[in-house]
Amino acid sequence: MKTKWGSCNRETGHIRFNLELAKKHPRCLEYIVVHEMTHLLERGHGERFTKLMDGFMPDWRSRRDELNGAPLADERWVETTNGCAADVKRLRG
């Protein structure tokens, strides 16, 4: 099932976030903030949106994959030696 992490209303300029983001690594939250703010400039997810995201956050794809690959449950995150976040449960398993 796909999770809706945020939404943007271009007409009002309002951006809303899923409260479950508070349980995710800050990198994931940063990605969603940039993603939704980019929607203030471009409504869809087409080529222009992708180019804007590449300019604002070059590693957005890895952050998106990190967020969407994690379970929705409460998690604790640690930084690994390569600077990426990892779920403590996965590291111990």
PDB file of N, CA and C in Angstrom:
ATOM      1  N   MET A   1       0.837  -1.173   0.000  1.00  0.00           N
ATOM      2  CA  MET A   1       0.000   0.000   0.000  1.00  0.00           C
ATOM      3  C   MET A   1       0.887   1.243   0.000  1.00  0.00           C
ATOM      4  N   LYS A   2       0.546   2.217  -0.797  1.00  0.00           N
ATOM      5  CA  LYS A   2       1.302   3.452  -0.886  1.00  0.00           C
ATOM      6  C   LYS A   2       0.834   4.418   0.197  1.00  0.00           C
ATOM      7  N   THR A   3       1.778   5.111   0.824  1.00  0.00           N
ATOM      8  CA  THR A   3       1.471   6.054   1.895  1.00  0.00           C
ATOM      9  C   THR A   3       1.536   7.472   1.362  1.00  0.00           C
ATOM     10  N   LYS A   4       0.572   8.278   1.745  1.00  0.00           N
ATOM     11  CA  LYS A   4       0.595   9.693   1.372  1.00  0.00           C
ATOM     12  C   LYS A   4       1.316  10.446   2.485  1.00  0.00           C
ATOM     13  N   TRP A   5       2.550  10.852   2.214  1.00  0.00           N
ATOM     14  CA  TRP A   5       3.383  11.498   3.221  1.00  0.00           C
ATOM     15  C   TRP A   5       3.108  12.988   3.336  1.00  0.00           C
ATOM     16  N   GLY A   6       2.594  13.594   2.290  1.00  0.00           N
ATOM     17  CA  GLY A   6       2.325  15.023   2.332  1.00  0.00           C
ATOM     18  C   GLY A   6       1.414  15.428   1.200  1.00  0.00           C
ATOM     19  N   SER A   7       0.912  16.661   1.295  1.00  0.00           N
ATOM     20  CA  SER A   7       0.096  17.208   0.219  1.00  0.00           C
ATOM     21  C   SER A   7       0.325  18.709   0.141  1.00  0.00           C
ATOM     22  N   CYS A   8       0.116  19.236  -1.047  1.00  0.00           N
ATOM     23  CA  CYS A   8       0.345  20.654  -1.296  1.00  0.00           C
ATOM     24  C   CYS A   8      -0.854  21.221  -2.042  1.00  0.00           C
ATOM     25  N   ASN A   9      -1.372  22.341  -1.549  1.00  0.00           N
ATOM     26  CA  ASN A   9      -2.435  23.058  -2.235  1.00  0.00           C
ATOM     27  C   ASN A   9      -1.818  24.318  -2.840  1.00  0.00           C
ATOM     28  N   ARG A  10      -1.639  24.311  -4.146  1.00  0.00           N
ATOM     29  CA  ARG A  10      -0.980  25.436  -4.812  1.00  0.00           C
ATOM     30  C   ARG A  10      -1.780  26.722  -4.714  1.00  0.00           C
ATOM     31  N   GLU A  11      -3.078  26.617  -4.690  1.00  0.00           N
ATOM     32  CA  GLU A  11      -3.913  27.812  -4.652  1.00  0.00           C
ATOM     33  C   GLU A  11      -3.774  28.562  -3.321  1.00  0.00           C
ATOM     34  N   THR A  12      -3.736  27.827  -2.224  1.00  0.00           N
ATOM     35  CA  THR A  12      -3.631  28.461  -0.906  1.00  0.00           C
ATOM     36  C   THR A  12      -2.196  28.531  -0.398  1.00  0.00           C
ATOM     37  N   GLY A  13      -1.314  27.706  -0.986  1.00  0.00           N
ATOM     38  CA  GLY A  13       0.069  27.641  -0.514  1.00  0.00           C
ATOM     39  C   GLY A  13       0.242  26.792   0.734  1.00  0.00           C
ATOM     40  N   HIS A  14      -0.824  26.060   1.112  1.00  0.00           N
ATOM     41  CA  HIS A  14      -0.759  25.212   2.304  1.00  0.00           C
ATOM     42  C   HIS A  14      -0.115  23.869   1.980  1.00  0.00           C
ATOM     43  N   ILE A  15       0.749  23.437   2.877  1.00  0.00           N
ATOM     44  CA  ILE A  15       1.367  22.117   2.779  1.00  0.00           C
ATOM     45  C   ILE A  15       1.030  21.369   4.057  1.00  0.00           C
ATOM     46  N   ARG A  16       0.599  20.121   3.908  1.00  0.00           N
ATOM     47  CA  ARG A  16       0.274  19.279   5.064  1.00  0.00           C
ATOM     48  C   ARG A  16       1.159  18.043   5.026  1.00  0.00           C
ATOM     49  N   PHE A  17       1.499  17.566   6.239  1.00  0.00           N
ATOM     50  CA  PHE A  17       2.381  16.404   6.355  1.00  0.00           C
ATOM     51  C   PHE A  17       1.724  15.319   7.186  1.00  0.00           C
ATOM     52  N   ASN A  18       1.998  14.079   6.832  1.00  0.00           N
ATOM     53  CA  ASN A  18       1.560  12.920   7.588  1.00  0.00           C
ATOM     54  C   ASN A  18       2.352  12.883   8.900  1.00  0.00           C
ATOM     55  N   LEU A  19       1.676  12.792  10.032  1.00  0.00           N
ATOM     56  CA  LEU A  19       2.357  12.802  11.325  1.00  0.00           C
ATOM     57  C   LEU A  19       3.292  11.614  11.516  1.00  0.00           C
ATOM     58  N   GLU A  20       3.104  10.544  10.758  1.00  0.00           N
ATOM     59  CA  GLU A  20       4.006   9.392  10.840  1.00  0.00           C
ATOM     60  C   GLU A  20       5.434   9.767  10.445  1.00  0.00           C
ATOM     61  N   LEU A  21       5.603  10.881   9.735  1.00  0.00           N
ATOM     62  CA  LEU A  21       6.952  11.331   9.363  1.00  0.00           C
ATOM     63  C   LEU A  21       7.808  11.632  10.590  1.00  0.00           C
ATOM     64  N   ALA A  22       7.178  11.970  11.701  1.00  0.00           N
ATOM     65  CA  ALA A  22       7.924  12.257  12.928  1.00  0.00           C
ATOM     66  C   ALA A  22       8.692  11.034  13.413  1.00  0.00           C
ATOM     67  N   LYS A  23       8.278   9.853  12.978  1.00  0.00           N
ATOM     68  CA  LYS A  23       8.935   8.607  13.377  1.00  0.00           C
ATOM     69  C   LYS A  23      10.056   8.217  12.413  1.00  0.00           C
ATOM     70  N   LYS A  24      10.219   8.960  11.355  1.00  0.00           N
ATOM     71  CA  LYS A  24      11.196   8.621  10.327  1.00  0.00           C
ATOM     72  C   LYS A  24      12.480   9.425  10.499  1.00  0.00           C
ATOM     73  N   HIS A  25      13.504   9.004   9.816  1.00  0.00           N
ATOM     74  CA  HIS A  25      14.790   9.694   9.858  1.00  0.00           C
ATOM     75  C   HIS A  25      14.620  11.100   9.289  1.00  0.00           C
ATOM     76  N   PRO A  26      15.320  12.088   9.850  1.00  0.00           N
ATOM     77  CA  PRO A  26      15.196  13.464   9.347  1.00  0.00           C
ATOM     78  C   PRO A  26      15.459  13.611   7.853  1.00  0.00           C
ATOM     79  N   ARG A  27      16.302  12.757   7.289  1.00  0.00           N
ATOM     80  CA  ARG A  27      16.537  12.801   5.830  1.00  0.00           C
ATOM     81  C   ARG A  27      15.241  12.590   5.068  1.00  0.00           C
ATOM     82  N   CYS A  28      14.398  11.718   5.590  1.00  0.00           N
ATOM     83  CA  CYS A  28      13.126  11.423   4.933  1.00  0.00           C
ATOM     84  C   CYS A  28      12.182  12.618   5.048  1.00  0.00           C
ATOM     85  N   LEU A  29      12.148  13.226   6.209  1.00  0.00           N
ATOM     86  CA  LEU A  29      11.317  14.407   6.401  1.00  0.00           C
ATOM     87  C   LEU A  29      11.776  15.539   5.481  1.00  0.00           C
ATOM     88  N   GLU A  30      13.087  15.747   5.392  1.00  0.00           N
ATOM     89  CA  GLU A  30      13.621  16.782   4.498  1.00  0.00           C
ATOM     90  C   GLU A  30      13.195  16.532   3.059  1.00  0.00           C
ATOM     91  N   TYR A  31      13.237  15.266   2.641  1.00  0.00           N
ATOM     92  CA  TYR A  31      12.825  14.923   1.275  1.00  0.00           C
ATOM     93  C   TYR A  31      11.361  15.319   1.040  1.00  0.00           C
ATOM     94  N   ILE A  32      10.476  14.994   1.977  1.00  0.00           N
ATOM     95  CA  ILE A  32       9.061  15.298   1.790  1.00  0.00           C
ATOM     96  C   ILE A  32       8.828  16.806   1.782  1.00  0.00           C
ATOM     97  N   VAL A  33       9.530  17.540   2.634  1.00  0.00           N
ATOM     98  CA  VAL A  33       9.381  19.000   2.641  1.00  0.00           C
ATOM     99  C   VAL A  33       9.775  19.571   1.282  1.00  0.00           C
ATOM    100  N   VAL A  34      10.921  19.163   0.765  1.00  0.00           N
ATOM    101  CA  VAL A  34      11.367  19.660  -0.549  1.00  0.00           C
ATOM    102  C   VAL A  34      10.408  19.213  -1.646  1.00  0.00           C
ATOM    103  N   HIS A  35       9.954  17.978  -1.588  1.00  0.00           N
ATOM    104  CA  HIS A  35       9.019  17.438  -2.572  1.00  0.00           C
ATOM    105  C   HIS A  35       7.748  18.292  -2.626  1.00  0.00           C
ATOM    106  N   GLU A  36       7.161  18.537  -1.460  1.00  0.00           N
ATOM    107  CA  GLU A  36       5.913  19.304  -1.433  1.00  0.00           C
ATOM    108  C   GLU A  36       6.136  20.763  -1.810  1.00  0.00           C
ATOM    109  N   MET A  37       7.249  21.346  -1.403  1.00  0.00           N
ATOM    110  CA  MET A  37       7.533  22.723  -1.797  1.00  0.00           C
ATOM    111  C   MET A  37       7.757  22.830  -3.306  1.00  0.00           C
ATOM    112  N   THR A  38       8.301  21.799  -3.902  1.00  0.00           N
ATOM    113  CA  THR A  38       8.486  21.786  -5.352  1.00  0.00           C
ATOM    114  C   THR A  38       7.133  21.792  -6.059  1.00  0.00           C
ATOM    115  N   HIS A  39       6.137  21.192  -5.429  1.00  0.00           N
ATOM    116  CA  HIS A  39       4.788  21.225  -6.015  1.00  0.00           C
ATOM    117  C   HIS A  39       4.204  22.640  -6.057  1.00  0.00           C
ATOM    118  N   LEU A  40       4.745  23.553  -5.280  1.00  0.00           N
ATOM    119  CA  LEU A  40       4.316  24.949  -5.389  1.00  0.00           C
ATOM    120  C   LEU A  40       4.736  25.530  -6.743  1.00  0.00           C
ATOM    121  N   LEU A  41       5.780  24.948  -7.328  1.00  0.00           N
ATOM    122  CA  LEU A  41       6.282  25.389  -8.632  1.00  0.00           C
ATOM    123  C   LEU A  41       5.778  24.538  -9.786  1.00  0.00           C
ATOM    124  N   GLU A  42       5.538  23.267  -9.523  1.00  0.00           N
ATOM    125  CA  GLU A  42       5.130  22.317 -10.567  1.00  0.00           C
ATOM    126  C   GLU A  42       4.121  21.332  -9.992  1.00  0.00           C
ATOM    127  N   ARG A  43       2.930  21.292 -10.583  1.00  0.00           N
ATOM    128  CA  ARG A  43       1.839  20.477 -10.057  1.00  0.00           C
ATOM    129  C   ARG A  43       2.119  18.968 -10.132  1.00  0.00           C
ATOM    130  N   GLY A  44       2.546  18.495 -11.256  1.00  0.00           N
ATOM    131  CA  GLY A  44       2.694  17.049 -11.461  1.00  0.00           C
ATOM    132  C   GLY A  44       4.068  16.528 -11.119  1.00  0.00           C
ATOM    133  N   HIS A  45       4.307  15.261 -11.531  1.00  0.00           N
ATOM    134  CA  HIS A  45       5.590  14.610 -11.282  1.00  0.00           C
ATOM    135  C   HIS A  45       6.345  14.368 -12.582  1.00  0.00           C
ATOM    136  N   GLY A  46       6.154  15.239 -13.548  1.00  0.00           N
ATOM    137  CA  GLY A  46       6.777  15.079 -14.856  1.00  0.00           C
ATOM    138  C   GLY A  46       8.238  15.496 -14.897  1.00  0.00           C
ATOM    139  N   GLU A  47       8.710  15.701 -16.116  1.00  0.00           N
ATOM    140  CA  GLU A  47      10.124  16.012 -16.345  1.00  0.00           C
ATOM    141  C   GLU A  47      10.555  17.297 -15.638  1.00  0.00           C
ATOM    142  N   ARG A  48       9.722  18.342 -15.666  1.00  0.00           N
ATOM    143  CA  ARG A  48      10.082  19.599 -15.017  1.00  0.00           C
ATOM    144  C   ARG A  48      10.204  19.416 -13.502  1.00  0.00           C
ATOM    145  N   PHE A  49       9.268  18.667 -12.924  1.00  0.00           N
ATOM    146  CA  PHE A  49       9.317  18.384 -11.494  1.00  0.00           C
ATOM    147  C   PHE A  49      10.612  17.654 -11.142  1.00  0.00           C
ATOM    148  N   THR A  50      10.943  16.645 -11.928  1.00  0.00           N
ATOM    149  CA  THR A  50      12.157  15.864 -11.684  1.00  0.00           C
ATOM    150  C   THR A  50      13.401  16.740 -11.773  1.00  0.00           C
ATOM    151  N   LYS A  51      13.463  17.613 -12.761  1.00  0.00           N
ATOM    152  CA  LYS A  51      14.618  18.504 -12.896  1.00  0.00           C
ATOM    153  C   LYS A  51      14.716  19.471 -11.717  1.00  0.00           C
ATOM    154  N   LEU A  52      13.581  19.978 -11.268  1.00  0.00           N
ATOM    155  CA  LEU A  52      13.587  20.863 -10.102  1.00  0.00           C
ATOM    156  C   LEU A  52      14.085  20.115  -8.866  1.00  0.00           C
ATOM    157  N   MET A  53      13.581  18.909  -8.660  1.00  0.00           N
ATOM    158  CA  MET A  53      14.020  18.107  -7.518  1.00  0.00           C
ATOM    159  C   MET A  53      15.515  17.810  -7.597  1.00  0.00           C
ATOM    160  N   ASP A  54      16.002  17.489  -8.787  1.00  0.00           N
ATOM    161  CA  ASP A  54      17.440  17.233  -8.963  1.00  0.00           C
ATOM    162  C   ASP A  54      18.265  18.454  -8.565  1.00  0.00           C
ATOM    163  N   GLY A  55      17.758  19.642  -8.862  1.00  0.00           N
ATOM    164  CA  GLY A  55      18.472  20.853  -8.517  1.00  0.00           C
ATOM    165  C   GLY A  55      18.412  21.178  -7.030  1.00  0.00           C
ATOM    166  N   PHE A  56      17.260  20.960  -6.414  1.00  0.00           N
ATOM    167  CA  PHE A  56      17.083  21.283  -4.999  1.00  0.00           C
ATOM    168  C   PHE A  56      17.724  20.252  -4.073  1.00  0.00           C
ATOM    169  N   MET A  57      17.642  18.970  -4.470  1.00  0.00           N
ATOM    170  CA  MET A  57      18.106  17.879  -3.606  1.00  0.00           C
ATOM    171  C   MET A  57      18.600  16.740  -4.499  1.00  0.00           C
ATOM    172  N   PRO A  58      19.869  16.777  -4.888  1.00  0.00           N
ATOM    173  CA  PRO A  58      20.385  15.780  -5.839  1.00  0.00           C
ATOM    174  C   PRO A  58      20.189  14.322  -5.416  1.00  0.00           C
ATOM    175  N   ASP A  59      20.132  14.047  -4.123  1.00  0.00           N
ATOM    176  CA  ASP A  59      19.969  12.654  -3.665  1.00  0.00           C
ATOM    177  C   ASP A  59      18.525  12.309  -3.297  1.00  0.00           C
ATOM    178  N   TRP A  60      17.564  13.028  -3.871  1.00  0.00           N
ATOM    179  CA  TRP A  60      16.162  12.825  -3.493  1.00  0.00           C
ATOM    180  C   TRP A  60      15.664  11.414  -3.766  1.00  0.00           C
ATOM    181  N   ARG A  61      16.166  10.785  -4.800  1.00  0.00           N
ATOM    182  CA  ARG A  61      15.686   9.434  -5.131  1.00  0.00           C
ATOM    183  C   ARG A  61      16.054   8.430  -4.030  1.00  0.00           C
ATOM    184  N   SER A  62      17.266   8.516  -3.523  1.00  0.00           N
ATOM    185  CA  SER A  62      17.665   7.592  -2.456  1.00  0.00           C
ATOM    186  C   SER A  62      16.880   7.873  -1.179  1.00  0.00           C
ATOM    187  N   ARG A  63      16.595   9.144  -0.904  1.00  0.00           N
ATOM    188  CA  ARG A  63      15.781   9.484   0.266  1.00  0.00           C
ATOM    189  C   ARG A  63      14.357   8.968   0.105  1.00  0.00           C
ATOM    190  N   ARG A  64      13.809   9.112  -1.088  1.00  0.00           N
ATOM    191  CA  ARG A  64      12.460   8.592  -1.367  1.00  0.00           C
ATOM    192  C   ARG A  64      12.421   7.079  -1.171  1.00  0.00           C
ATOM    193  N   ASP A  65      13.425   6.398  -1.717  1.00  0.00           N
ATOM    194  CA  ASP A  65      13.461   4.941  -1.603  1.00  0.00           C
ATOM    195  C   ASP A  65      13.632   4.505  -0.148  1.00  0.00           C
ATOM    196  N   GLU A  66      14.438   5.256   0.605  1.00  0.00           N
ATOM    197  CA  GLU A  66      14.630   4.962   2.027  1.00  0.00           C
ATOM    198  C   GLU A  66      13.304   5.090   2.777  1.00  0.00           C
ATOM    199  N   LEU A  67      12.585   6.154   2.507  1.00  0.00           N
ATOM    200  CA  LEU A  67      11.300   6.381   3.172  1.00  0.00           C
ATOM    201  C   LEU A  67      10.285   5.322   2.787  1.00  0.00           C
ATOM    202  N   ASN A  68      10.141   5.053   1.511  1.00  0.00           N
ATOM    203  CA  ASN A  68       9.129   4.114   1.044  1.00  0.00           C
ATOM    204  C   ASN A  68       9.485   2.661   1.321  1.00  0.00           C
ATOM    205  N   GLY A  69      10.758   2.388   1.584  1.00  0.00           N
ATOM    206  CA  GLY A  69      11.176   1.027   1.886  1.00  0.00           C
ATOM    207  C   GLY A  69      11.073   0.665   3.350  1.00  0.00           C
ATOM    208  N   ALA A  70      10.845   1.659   4.195  1.00  0.00           N
ATOM    209  CA  ALA A  70      10.782   1.419   5.637  1.00  0.00           C
ATOM    210  C   ALA A  70       9.360   1.066   6.057  1.00  0.00           C
ATOM    211  N   PRO A  71       9.226   0.235   7.079  1.00  0.00           N
ATOM    212  CA  PRO A  71       7.884  -0.066   7.585  1.00  0.00           C
ATOM    213  C   PRO A  71       7.251   1.171   8.218  1.00  0.00           C
ATOM    214  N   LEU A  72       5.943   1.168   8.333  1.00  0.00           N
ATOM    215  CA  LEU A  72       5.216   2.313   8.869  1.00  0.00           C
ATOM    216  C   LEU A  72       5.249   2.357  10.397  1.00  0.00           C
ATOM    217  N   ALA A  73       5.762   1.322  11.023  1.00  0.00           N
ATOM    218  CA  ALA A  73       5.784   1.253  12.491  1.00  0.00           C
ATOM    219  C   ALA A  73       6.803   2.223  13.084  1.00  0.00           C
ATOM    220  N   ASP A  74       6.713   2.398  14.405  1.00  0.00           N
ATOM    221  CA  ASP A  74       7.664   3.235  15.144  1.00  0.00           C
ATOM    222  C   ASP A  74       9.062   2.647  14.985  1.00  0.00           C
ATOM    223  N   GLU A  75      10.024   3.508  14.680  1.00  0.00           N
ATOM    224  CA  GLU A  75      11.371   3.040  14.422  1.00  0.00           C
ATOM    225  C   GLU A  75      12.391   3.914  15.115  1.00  0.00           C
ATOM    226  N   ARG A  76      13.562   3.350  15.402  1.00  0.00           N
ATOM    227  CA  ARG A  76      14.694   4.114  15.896  1.00  0.00           C
ATOM    228  C   ARG A  76      15.776   4.050  14.838  1.00  0.00           C
ATOM    229  N   TRP A  77      16.382   5.188  14.541  1.00  0.00           N
ATOM    230  CA  TRP A  77      17.361   5.261  13.464  1.00  0.00           C
ATOM    231  C   TRP A  77      18.740   5.581  14.005  1.00  0.00           C
ATOM    232  N   VAL A  78      19.746   5.054  13.334  1.00  0.00           N
ATOM    233  CA  VAL A  78      21.140   5.377  13.647  1.00  0.00           C
ATOM    234  C   VAL A  78      21.839   5.712  12.346  1.00  0.00           C
ATOM    235  N   GLU A  79      22.931   6.454  12.443  1.00  0.00           N
ATOM    236  CA  GLU A  79      23.743   6.737  11.263  1.00  0.00           C
ATOM    237  C   GLU A  79      24.744   5.605  11.090  1.00  0.00           C
ATOM    238  N   THR A  80      24.890   5.110   9.881  1.00  0.00           N
ATOM    239  CA  THR A  80      25.870   4.080   9.592  1.00  0.00           C
ATOM    240  C   THR A  80      27.175   4.739   9.172  1.00  0.00           C
ATOM    241  N   THR A  81      28.205   3.947   8.971  1.00  0.00           N
ATOM    242  CA  THR A  81      29.520   4.505   8.636  1.00  0.00           C
ATOM    243  C   THR A  81      29.529   5.234   7.303  1.00  0.00           C
ATOM    244  N   ASN A  82      28.614   4.913   6.401  1.00  0.00           N
ATOM    245  CA  ASN A  82      28.583   5.595   5.106  1.00  0.00           C
ATOM    246  C   ASN A  82      27.640   6.798   5.112  1.00  0.00           C
ATOM    247  N   GLY A  83      27.133   7.180   6.299  1.00  0.00           N
ATOM    248  CA  GLY A  83      26.287   8.362   6.409  1.00  0.00           C
ATOM    249  C   GLY A  83      24.816   8.116   6.145  1.00  0.00           C
ATOM    250  N   CYS A  84      24.450   6.887   5.838  1.00  0.00           N
ATOM    251  CA  CYS A  84      23.052   6.560   5.580  1.00  0.00           C
ATOM    252  C   CYS A  84      22.377   6.144   6.884  1.00  0.00           C
ATOM    253  N   ALA A  85      21.088   6.285   6.904  1.00  0.00           N
ATOM    254  CA  ALA A  85      20.324   5.871   8.078  1.00  0.00           C
ATOM    255  C   ALA A  85      19.994   4.393   7.978  1.00  0.00           C
ATOM    256  N   ALA A  86      19.897   3.753   9.123  1.00  0.00           N
ATOM    257  CA  ALA A  86      19.520   2.349   9.154  1.00  0.00           C
ATOM    258  C   ALA A  86      18.631   2.116  10.364  1.00  0.00           C
ATOM    259  N   ASP A  87      17.703   1.212  10.221  1.00  0.00           N
ATOM    260  CA  ASP A  87      16.812   0.838  11.303  1.00  0.00           C
ATOM    261  C   ASP A  87      17.610  -0.028  12.292  1.00  0.00           C
ATOM    262  N   VAL A  88      17.562   0.309  13.578  1.00  0.00           N
ATOM    263  CA  VAL A  88      18.301  -0.420  14.597  1.00  0.00           C
ATOM    264  C   VAL A  88      17.935  -1.892  14.582  1.00  0.00           C
ATOM    265  N   LYS A  89      16.642  -2.217  14.407  1.00  0.00           N
ATOM    266  CA  LYS A  89      16.197  -3.605  14.391  1.00  0.00           C
ATOM    267  C   LYS A  89      16.852  -4.388  13.259  1.00  0.00           C
ATOM    268  N   ARG A  90      17.008  -3.741  12.092  1.00  0.00           N
ATOM    269  CA  ARG A  90      17.649  -4.420  10.966  1.00  0.00           C
ATOM    270  C   ARG A  90      19.133  -4.642  11.214  1.00  0.00           C
ATOM    271  N   LEU A  91      19.786  -3.674  11.879  1.00  0.00           N
ATOM    272  CA  LEU A  91      21.201  -3.819  12.159  1.00  0.00           C
ATOM    273  C   LEU A  91      21.467  -4.966  13.130  1.00  0.00           C
ATOM    274  N   ARG A  92      20.571  -5.144  14.087  1.00  0.00           N
ATOM    275  CA  ARG A  92      20.738  -6.198  15.079  1.00  0.00           C
ATOM    276  C   ARG A  92      20.371  -7.570  14.547  1.00  0.00           C
ATOM    277  N   GLY A  93      19.474  -7.593  13.536  1.00  0.00           N
ATOM    278  CA  GLY A  93      18.959  -8.836  12.979  1.00  0.00           C
ATOM    279  C   GLY A  93      19.927  -9.474  12.114  1.00  0.00           C
TER     280      GLY A  93
END
